[in-house]
Amino acid sequence: MRLLETAKFKKQRKKLRSALEKQALKKAIIDIMENPLAGKKLKGELSPYRSLRFSAGALSQRLIYQIESDSIILVSFGPRQGIYKS
């Protein structure tokens, strides 16, 4: 499977400063690559997306992604508060 990033995701990823956060995000992406259905399927207008929980130290985060035929599209990540808003 190919791994693609939205512009929003790329911008968020570049803002990461902590090595712990970078490592946690990398592990979450590897988990998705190994099992694309690992994340919870979202409902309503967000139904094309899936959400995978991961932790960066004591901070709980969500990774939002979409599966399309032969690609995984990384959409966004961050804490639950506000992550599901555009």
PDB file of N, CA and C in Angstrom:
ATOM      1  N   MET A   1       0.837  -1.196   0.000  1.00  0.00           N
ATOM      2  CA  MET A   1       0.000   0.000   0.000  1.00  0.00           C
ATOM      3  C   MET A   1       0.878   1.255   0.000  1.00  0.00           C
ATOM      4  N   ARG A   2       0.408   2.251  -0.698  1.00  0.00           N
ATOM      5  CA  ARG A   2       1.101   3.539  -0.718  1.00  0.00           C
ATOM      6  C   ARG A   2       0.635   4.378   0.458  1.00  0.00           C
ATOM      7  N   LEU A   3       1.497   5.221   0.946  1.00  0.00           N
ATOM      8  CA  LEU A   3       1.193   6.110   2.062  1.00  0.00           C
ATOM      9  C   LEU A   3       1.241   7.546   1.548  1.00  0.00           C
ATOM     10  N   LEU A   4       0.121   8.251   1.674  1.00  0.00           N
ATOM     11  CA  LEU A   4       0.032   9.635   1.215  1.00  0.00           C
ATOM     12  C   LEU A   4      -0.313  10.539   2.382  1.00  0.00           C
ATOM     13  N   GLU A   5       0.095  11.804   2.305  1.00  0.00           N
ATOM     14  CA  GLU A   5      -0.209  12.797   3.345  1.00  0.00           C
ATOM     15  C   GLU A   5      -0.978  13.953   2.730  1.00  0.00           C
ATOM     16  N   THR A   6      -1.986  14.458   3.450  1.00  0.00           N
ATOM     17  CA  THR A   6      -2.637  15.691   3.022  1.00  0.00           C
ATOM     18  C   THR A   6      -1.719  16.853   3.395  1.00  0.00           C
ATOM     19  N   ALA A   7      -1.974  18.012   2.822  1.00  0.00           N
ATOM     20  CA  ALA A   7      -1.175  19.202   3.142  1.00  0.00           C
ATOM     21  C   ALA A   7      -1.307  19.545   4.631  1.00  0.00           C
ATOM     22  N   LYS A   8      -2.505  19.371   5.181  1.00  0.00           N
ATOM     23  CA  LYS A   8      -2.736  19.645   6.606  1.00  0.00           C
ATOM     24  C   LYS A   8      -1.882  18.732   7.477  1.00  0.00           C
ATOM     25  N   PHE A   9      -1.851  17.450   7.150  1.00  0.00           N
ATOM     26  CA  PHE A   9      -1.069  16.492   7.918  1.00  0.00           C
ATOM     27  C   PHE A   9       0.413  16.845   7.862  1.00  0.00           C
ATOM     28  N   LYS A  10       0.901  17.145   6.670  1.00  0.00           N
ATOM     29  CA  LYS A  10       2.311  17.472   6.488  1.00  0.00           C
ATOM     30  C   LYS A  10       2.696  18.702   7.320  1.00  0.00           C
ATOM     31  N   LYS A  11       1.816  19.695   7.337  1.00  0.00           N
ATOM     32  CA  LYS A  11       2.067  20.919   8.107  1.00  0.00           C
ATOM     33  C   LYS A  11       2.125  20.602   9.607  1.00  0.00           C
ATOM     34  N   GLN A  12       1.183  19.777  10.089  1.00  0.00           N
ATOM     35  CA  GLN A  12       1.174  19.388  11.500  1.00  0.00           C
ATOM     36  C   GLN A  12       2.431  18.601  11.857  1.00  0.00           C
ATOM     37  N   ARG A  13       2.823  17.688  10.981  1.00  0.00           N
ATOM     38  CA  ARG A  13       3.994  16.842  11.234  1.00  0.00           C
ATOM     39  C   ARG A  13       5.261  17.680  11.333  1.00  0.00           C
ATOM     40  N   LYS A  14       5.385  18.675  10.486  1.00  0.00           N
ATOM     41  CA  LYS A  14       6.577  19.522  10.492  1.00  0.00           C
ATOM     42  C   LYS A  14       6.662  20.388  11.750  1.00  0.00           C
ATOM     43  N   LYS A  15       5.529  20.636  12.410  1.00  0.00           N
ATOM     44  CA  LYS A  15       5.518  21.446  13.628  1.00  0.00           C
ATOM     45  C   LYS A  15       5.931  20.664  14.870  1.00  0.00           C
ATOM     46  N   LEU A  16       5.995  19.334  14.776  1.00  0.00           N
ATOM     47  CA  LEU A  16       6.378  18.514  15.930  1.00  0.00           C
ATOM     48  C   LEU A  16       7.812  18.828  16.340  1.00  0.00           C
ATOM     49  N   ARG A  17       8.022  19.055  17.626  1.00  0.00           N
ATOM     50  CA  ARG A  17       9.357  19.356  18.136  1.00  0.00           C
ATOM     51  C   ARG A  17       9.900  18.220  19.006  1.00  0.00           C
ATOM     52  N   SER A  18       9.032  17.606  19.779  1.00  0.00           N
ATOM     53  CA  SER A  18       9.444  16.574  20.722  1.00  0.00           C
ATOM     54  C   SER A  18       9.769  15.255  20.010  1.00  0.00           C
ATOM     55  N   ALA A  19      10.900  14.679  20.351  1.00  0.00           N
ATOM     56  CA  ALA A  19      11.279  13.382  19.786  1.00  0.00           C
ATOM     57  C   ALA A  19      10.282  12.303  20.198  1.00  0.00           C
ATOM     58  N   LEU A  20       9.725  12.432  21.397  1.00  0.00           N
ATOM     59  CA  LEU A  20       8.740  11.470  21.888  1.00  0.00           C
ATOM     60  C   LEU A  20       7.484  11.498  21.010  1.00  0.00           C
ATOM     61  N   GLU A  21       7.015  12.693  20.662  1.00  0.00           N
ATOM     62  CA  GLU A  21       5.830  12.824  19.814  1.00  0.00           C
ATOM     63  C   GLU A  21       6.110  12.287  18.409  1.00  0.00           C
ATOM     64  N   LYS A  22       7.277  12.589  17.876  1.00  0.00           N
ATOM     65  CA  LYS A  22       7.647  12.105  16.541  1.00  0.00           C
ATOM     66  C   LYS A  22       7.687  10.585  16.512  1.00  0.00           C
ATOM     67  N   GLN A  23       8.275   9.989  17.541  1.00  0.00           N
ATOM     68  CA  GLN A  23       8.387   8.528  17.622  1.00  0.00           C
ATOM     69  C   GLN A  23       7.008   7.881  17.761  1.00  0.00           C
ATOM     70  N   ALA A  24       6.131   8.470  18.580  1.00  0.00           N
ATOM     71  CA  ALA A  24       4.784   7.927  18.779  1.00  0.00           C
ATOM     72  C   ALA A  24       3.985   7.985  17.477  1.00  0.00           C
ATOM     73  N   LEU A  25       4.097   9.095  16.740  1.00  0.00           N
ATOM     74  CA  LEU A  25       3.403   9.231  15.463  1.00  0.00           C
ATOM     75  C   LEU A  25       3.933   8.203  14.460  1.00  0.00           C
ATOM     76  N   LYS A  26       5.233   8.036  14.410  1.00  0.00           N
ATOM     77  CA  LYS A  26       5.846   7.067  13.503  1.00  0.00           C
ATOM     78  C   LYS A  26       5.346   5.653  13.790  1.00  0.00           C
ATOM     79  N   LYS A  27       5.265   5.301  15.081  1.00  0.00           N
ATOM     80  CA  LYS A  27       4.775   3.975  15.461  1.00  0.00           C
ATOM     81  C   LYS A  27       3.314   3.792  15.046  1.00  0.00           C
ATOM     82  N   ALA A  28       2.493   4.833  15.227  1.00  0.00           N
ATOM     83  CA  ALA A  28       1.084   4.758  14.838  1.00  0.00           C
ATOM     84  C   ALA A  28       0.954   4.560  13.326  1.00  0.00           C
ATOM     85  N   ILE A  29       1.782   5.237  12.551  1.00  0.00           N
ATOM     86  CA  ILE A  29       1.751   5.090  11.095  1.00  0.00           C
ATOM     87  C   ILE A  29       2.174   3.677  10.687  1.00  0.00           C
ATOM     88  N   ILE A  30       3.188   3.139  11.344  1.00  0.00           N
ATOM     89  CA  ILE A  30       3.624   1.761  11.068  1.00  0.00           C
ATOM     90  C   ILE A  30       2.499   0.780  11.393  1.00  0.00           C
ATOM     91  N   ASP A  31       1.795   1.011  12.521  1.00  0.00           N
ATOM     92  CA  ASP A  31       0.671   0.148  12.893  1.00  0.00           C
ATOM     93  C   ASP A  31      -0.402   0.152  11.806  1.00  0.00           C
ATOM     94  N   ILE A  32      -0.675   1.329  11.246  1.00  0.00           N
ATOM     95  CA  ILE A  32      -1.684   1.439  10.190  1.00  0.00           C
ATOM     96  C   ILE A  32      -1.213   0.732   8.917  1.00  0.00           C
ATOM     97  N   MET A  33       0.059   0.860   8.610  1.00  0.00           N
ATOM     98  CA  MET A  33       0.590   0.202   7.416  1.00  0.00           C
ATOM     99  C   MET A  33       0.481  -1.329   7.543  1.00  0.00           C
ATOM    100  N   GLU A  34       0.709  -1.840   8.749  1.00  0.00           N
ATOM    101  CA  GLU A  34       0.627  -3.283   8.979  1.00  0.00           C
ATOM    102  C   GLU A  34      -0.819  -3.773   8.986  1.00  0.00           C
ATOM    103  N   ASN A  35      -1.724  -2.962   9.528  1.00  0.00           N
ATOM    104  CA  ASN A  35      -3.138  -3.326   9.609  1.00  0.00           C
ATOM    105  C   ASN A  35      -3.987  -2.080   9.362  1.00  0.00           C
ATOM    106  N   PRO A  36      -4.345  -1.807   8.107  1.00  0.00           N
ATOM    107  CA  PRO A  36      -5.107  -0.593   7.786  1.00  0.00           C
ATOM    108  C   PRO A  36      -6.464  -0.495   8.488  1.00  0.00           C
ATOM    109  N   LEU A  37      -7.021  -1.604   8.902  1.00  0.00           N
ATOM    110  CA  LEU A  37      -8.333  -1.582   9.566  1.00  0.00           C
ATOM    111  C   LEU A  37      -8.214  -1.458  11.087  1.00  0.00           C
ATOM    112  N   ALA A  38      -7.020  -1.143  11.592  1.00  0.00           N
ATOM    113  CA  ALA A  38      -6.796  -1.046  13.039  1.00  0.00           C
ATOM    114  C   ALA A  38      -7.597   0.093  13.664  1.00  0.00           C
ATOM    115  N   GLY A  39      -7.782   1.173  12.952  1.00  0.00           N
ATOM    116  CA  GLY A  39      -8.498   2.325  13.494  1.00  0.00           C
ATOM    117  C   GLY A  39     -10.000   2.128  13.485  1.00  0.00           C
ATOM    118  N   LYS A  40     -10.670   2.879  14.356  1.00  0.00           N
ATOM    119  CA  LYS A  40     -12.123   2.829  14.467  1.00  0.00           C
ATOM    120  C   LYS A  40     -12.755   3.600  13.310  1.00  0.00           C
ATOM    121  N   LYS A  41     -13.745   3.010  12.658  1.00  0.00           N
ATOM    122  CA  LYS A  41     -14.448   3.675  11.566  1.00  0.00           C
ATOM    123  C   LYS A  41     -15.324   4.785  12.156  1.00  0.00           C
ATOM    124  N   LEU A  42     -15.216   5.968  11.589  1.00  0.00           N
ATOM    125  CA  LEU A  42     -15.996   7.101  12.071  1.00  0.00           C
ATOM    126  C   LEU A  42     -17.389   7.091  11.453  1.00  0.00           C
ATOM    127  N   LYS A  43     -18.300   7.877  12.047  1.00  0.00           N
ATOM    128  CA  LYS A  43     -19.703   7.877  11.621  1.00  0.00           C
ATOM    129  C   LYS A  43     -20.104   9.238  11.067  1.00  0.00           C
ATOM    130  N   GLY A  44     -21.261   9.269  10.457  1.00  0.00           N
ATOM    131  CA  GLY A  44     -21.823  10.516   9.954  1.00  0.00           C
ATOM    132  C   GLY A  44     -21.051  11.067   8.780  1.00  0.00           C
ATOM    133  N   GLU A  45     -20.851  12.373   8.773  1.00  0.00           N
ATOM    134  CA  GLU A  45     -20.148  13.002   7.652  1.00  0.00           C
ATOM    135  C   GLU A  45     -18.667  12.639   7.614  1.00  0.00           C
ATOM    136  N   LEU A  46     -18.174  12.053   8.691  1.00  0.00           N
ATOM    137  CA  LEU A  46     -16.775  11.617   8.749  1.00  0.00           C
ATOM    138  C   LEU A  46     -16.618  10.134   8.389  1.00  0.00           C
ATOM    139  N   SER A  47     -17.681   9.522   7.877  1.00  0.00           N
ATOM    140  CA  SER A  47     -17.668   8.078   7.611  1.00  0.00           C
ATOM    141  C   SER A  47     -16.570   7.588   6.661  1.00  0.00           C
ATOM    142  N   PRO A  48     -16.015   8.419   5.762  1.00  0.00           N
ATOM    143  CA  PRO A  48     -14.913   7.893   4.933  1.00  0.00           C
ATOM    144  C   PRO A  48     -13.606   7.704   5.706  1.00  0.00           C
ATOM    145  N   TYR A  49     -13.544   8.202   6.937  1.00  0.00           N
ATOM    146  CA  TYR A  49     -12.293   8.213   7.699  1.00  0.00           C
ATOM    147  C   TYR A  49     -12.277   7.175   8.814  1.00  0.00           C
ATOM    148  N   ARG A  50     -11.069   6.898   9.294  1.00  0.00           N
ATOM    149  CA  ARG A  50     -10.859   6.032  10.446  1.00  0.00           C
ATOM    150  C   ARG A  50      -9.998   6.788  11.446  1.00  0.00           C
ATOM    151  N   SER A  51     -10.095   6.423  12.723  1.00  0.00           N
ATOM    152  CA  SER A  51      -9.360   7.095  13.788  1.00  0.00           C
ATOM    153  C   SER A  51      -8.605   6.061  14.616  1.00  0.00           C
ATOM    154  N   LEU A  52      -7.294   6.248  14.734  1.00  0.00           N
ATOM    155  CA  LEU A  52      -6.458   5.355  15.536  1.00  0.00           C
ATOM    156  C   LEU A  52      -5.936   6.124  16.741  1.00  0.00           C
ATOM    157  N   ARG A  53      -6.172   5.587  17.925  1.00  0.00           N
ATOM    158  CA  ARG A  53      -5.651   6.205  19.150  1.00  0.00           C
ATOM    159  C   ARG A  53      -4.194   5.805  19.348  1.00  0.00           C
ATOM    160  N   PHE A  54      -3.390   6.775  19.792  1.00  0.00           N
ATOM    161  CA  PHE A  54      -2.016   6.483  20.169  1.00  0.00           C
ATOM    162  C   PHE A  54      -1.602   7.455  21.258  1.00  0.00           C
ATOM    163  N   SER A  55      -0.541   7.127  21.975  1.00  0.00           N
ATOM    164  CA  SER A  55      -0.085   7.961  23.080  1.00  0.00           C
ATOM    165  C   SER A  55       1.330   8.452  22.837  1.00  0.00           C
ATOM    166  N   ALA A  56       1.537   9.704  23.192  1.00  0.00           N
ATOM    167  CA  ALA A  56       2.880  10.296  23.175  1.00  0.00           C
ATOM    168  C   ALA A  56       3.157  10.688  24.621  1.00  0.00           C
ATOM    169  N   GLY A  57       3.726   9.756  25.368  1.00  0.00           N
ATOM    170  CA  GLY A  57       3.916   9.973  26.797  1.00  0.00           C
ATOM    171  C   GLY A  57       2.557   9.897  27.482  1.00  0.00           C
ATOM    172  N   ALA A  58       2.196  10.929  28.232  1.00  0.00           N
ATOM    173  CA  ALA A  58       0.910  10.968  28.925  1.00  0.00           C
ATOM    174  C   ALA A  58      -0.176  11.589  28.048  1.00  0.00           C
ATOM    175  N   LEU A  59       0.190  12.051  26.873  1.00  0.00           N
ATOM    176  CA  LEU A  59      -0.733  12.738  25.975  1.00  0.00           C
ATOM    177  C   LEU A  59      -1.411  11.745  25.031  1.00  0.00           C
ATOM    178  N   SER A  60      -2.742  11.666  25.107  1.00  0.00           N
ATOM    179  CA  SER A  60      -3.502  10.791  24.234  1.00  0.00           C
ATOM    180  C   SER A  60      -3.804  11.531  22.927  1.00  0.00           C
ATOM    181  N   GLN A  61      -3.570  10.873  21.807  1.00  0.00           N
ATOM    182  CA  GLN A  61      -3.744  11.502  20.497  1.00  0.00           C
ATOM    183  C   GLN A  61      -4.591  10.616  19.596  1.00  0.00           C
ATOM    184  N   ARG A  62      -5.075  11.197  18.500  1.00  0.00           N
ATOM    185  CA  ARG A  62      -5.804  10.466  17.473  1.00  0.00           C
ATOM    186  C   ARG A  62      -5.107  10.711  16.131  1.00  0.00           C
ATOM    187  N   LEU A  63      -5.054   9.678  15.315  1.00  0.00           N
ATOM    188  CA  LEU A  63      -4.540   9.792  13.951  1.00  0.00           C
ATOM    189  C   LEU A  63      -5.721   9.506  13.028  1.00  0.00           C
ATOM    190  N   ILE A  64      -6.091  10.491  12.212  1.00  0.00           N
ATOM    191  CA  ILE A  64      -7.225  10.360  11.305  1.00  0.00           C
ATOM    192  C   ILE A  64      -6.677  10.021   9.917  1.00  0.00           C
ATOM    193  N   TYR A  65      -7.226   8.977   9.314  1.00  0.00           N
ATOM    194  CA  TYR A  65      -6.760   8.550   8.003  1.00  0.00           C
ATOM    195  C   TYR A  65      -7.902   7.975   7.182  1.00  0.00           C
ATOM    196  N   GLN A  66      -7.639   7.799   5.906  1.00  0.00           N
ATOM    197  CA  GLN A  66      -8.631   7.266   4.979  1.00  0.00           C
ATOM    198  C   GLN A  66      -7.977   6.179   4.141  1.00  0.00           C
ATOM    199  N   ILE A  67      -8.735   5.127   3.858  1.00  0.00           N
ATOM    200  CA  ILE A  67      -8.238   4.043   3.013  1.00  0.00           C
ATOM    201  C   ILE A  67      -8.911   4.161   1.657  1.00  0.00           C
ATOM    202  N   GLU A  68      -8.113   4.211   0.604  1.00  0.00           N
ATOM    203  CA  GLU A  68      -8.630   4.220  -0.766  1.00  0.00           C
ATOM    204  C   GLU A  68      -7.881   3.151  -1.546  1.00  0.00           C
ATOM    205  N   SER A  69      -8.578   2.334  -2.239  1.00  0.00           N
ATOM    206  CA  SER A  69      -8.071   1.193  -3.011  1.00  0.00           C
ATOM    207  C   SER A  69      -6.681   0.714  -2.594  1.00  0.00           C
ATOM    208  N   ASP A  70      -5.616   1.305  -3.098  1.00  0.00           N
ATOM    209  CA  ASP A  70      -4.267   0.843  -2.770  1.00  0.00           C
ATOM    210  C   ASP A  70      -3.471   1.877  -1.986  1.00  0.00           C
ATOM    211  N   SER A  71      -4.166   2.822  -1.345  1.00  0.00           N
ATOM    212  CA  SER A  71      -3.483   3.902  -0.630  1.00  0.00           C
ATOM    213  C   SER A  71      -4.073   4.136   0.755  1.00  0.00           C
ATOM    214  N   ILE A  72      -3.216   4.603   1.642  1.00  0.00           N
ATOM    215  CA  ILE A  72      -3.645   5.092   2.949  1.00  0.00           C
ATOM    216  C   ILE A  72      -3.322   6.580   2.950  1.00  0.00           C
ATOM    217  N   ILE A  73      -4.351   7.402   3.180  1.00  0.00           N
ATOM    218  CA  ILE A  73      -4.170   8.850   3.172  1.00  0.00           C
ATOM    219  C   ILE A  73      -4.215   9.351   4.608  1.00  0.00           C
ATOM    220  N   LEU A  74      -3.102   9.908   5.077  1.00  0.00           N
ATOM    221  CA  LEU A  74      -3.021  10.465   6.427  1.00  0.00           C
ATOM    222  C   LEU A  74      -3.614  11.868   6.382  1.00  0.00           C
ATOM    223  N   VAL A  75      -4.676  12.102   7.164  1.00  0.00           N
ATOM    224  CA  VAL A  75      -5.434  13.343   7.086  1.00  0.00           C
ATOM    225  C   VAL A  75      -5.027  14.333   8.168  1.00  0.00           C
ATOM    226  N   SER A  76      -4.981  13.866   9.429  1.00  0.00           N
ATOM    227  CA  SER A  76      -4.711  14.774  10.538  1.00  0.00           C
ATOM    228  C   SER A  76      -4.349  13.970  11.784  1.00  0.00           C
ATOM    229  N   PHE A  77      -3.801  14.649  12.782  1.00  0.00           N
ATOM    230  CA  PHE A  77      -3.560  14.013  14.069  1.00  0.00           C
ATOM    231  C   PHE A  77      -3.554  15.086  15.150  1.00  0.00           C
ATOM    232  N   GLY A  78      -3.756  14.637  16.391  1.00  0.00           N
ATOM    233  CA  GLY A  78      -3.749  15.557  17.526  1.00  0.00           C
ATOM    234  C   GLY A  78      -4.637  15.046  18.636  1.00  0.00           C
ATOM    235  N   PRO A  79      -4.797  15.855  19.687  1.00  0.00           N
ATOM    236  CA  PRO A  79      -5.669  15.439  20.784  1.00  0.00           C
ATOM    237  C   PRO A  79      -7.128  15.412  20.331  1.00  0.00           C
ATOM    238  N   ARG A  80      -7.947  14.689  21.042  1.00  0.00           N
ATOM    239  CA  ARG A  80      -9.348  14.497  20.664  1.00  0.00           C
ATOM    240  C   ARG A  80     -10.082  15.824  20.502  1.00  0.00           C
ATOM    241  N   GLN A  81      -9.840  16.768  21.388  1.00  0.00           N
ATOM    242  CA  GLN A  81     -10.529  18.052  21.354  1.00  0.00           C
ATOM    243  C   GLN A  81     -10.214  18.775  20.042  1.00  0.00           C
ATOM    244  N   GLY A  82     -11.198  18.908  19.184  1.00  0.00           N
ATOM    245  CA  GLY A  82     -11.059  19.659  17.960  1.00  0.00           C
ATOM    246  C   GLY A  82     -10.458  18.911  16.780  1.00  0.00           C
ATOM    247  N   ILE A  83     -10.038  17.670  16.959  1.00  0.00           N
ATOM    248  CA  ILE A  83      -9.383  16.940  15.867  1.00  0.00           C
ATOM    249  C   ILE A  83     -10.364  16.610  14.744  1.00  0.00           C
ATOM    250  N   TYR A  84     -11.636  16.466  15.068  1.00  0.00           N
ATOM    251  CA  TYR A  84     -12.611  16.066  14.055  1.00  0.00           C
ATOM    252  C   TYR A  84     -13.199  17.246  13.293  1.00  0.00           C
ATOM    253  N   LYS A  85     -12.758  18.457  13.616  1.00  0.00           N
ATOM    254  CA  LYS A  85     -13.204  19.649  12.894  1.00  0.00           C
ATOM    255  C   LYS A  85     -12.296  19.881  11.706  1.00  0.00           C
ATOM    256  N   SER A  86     -12.824  20.476  10.667  1.00  0.00           N
ATOM    257  CA  SER A  86     -12.029  20.717   9.441  1.00  0.00           C
ATOM    258  C   SER A  86     -10.875  21.619   9.650  1.00  0.00           C
TER     259      SER A  86
END
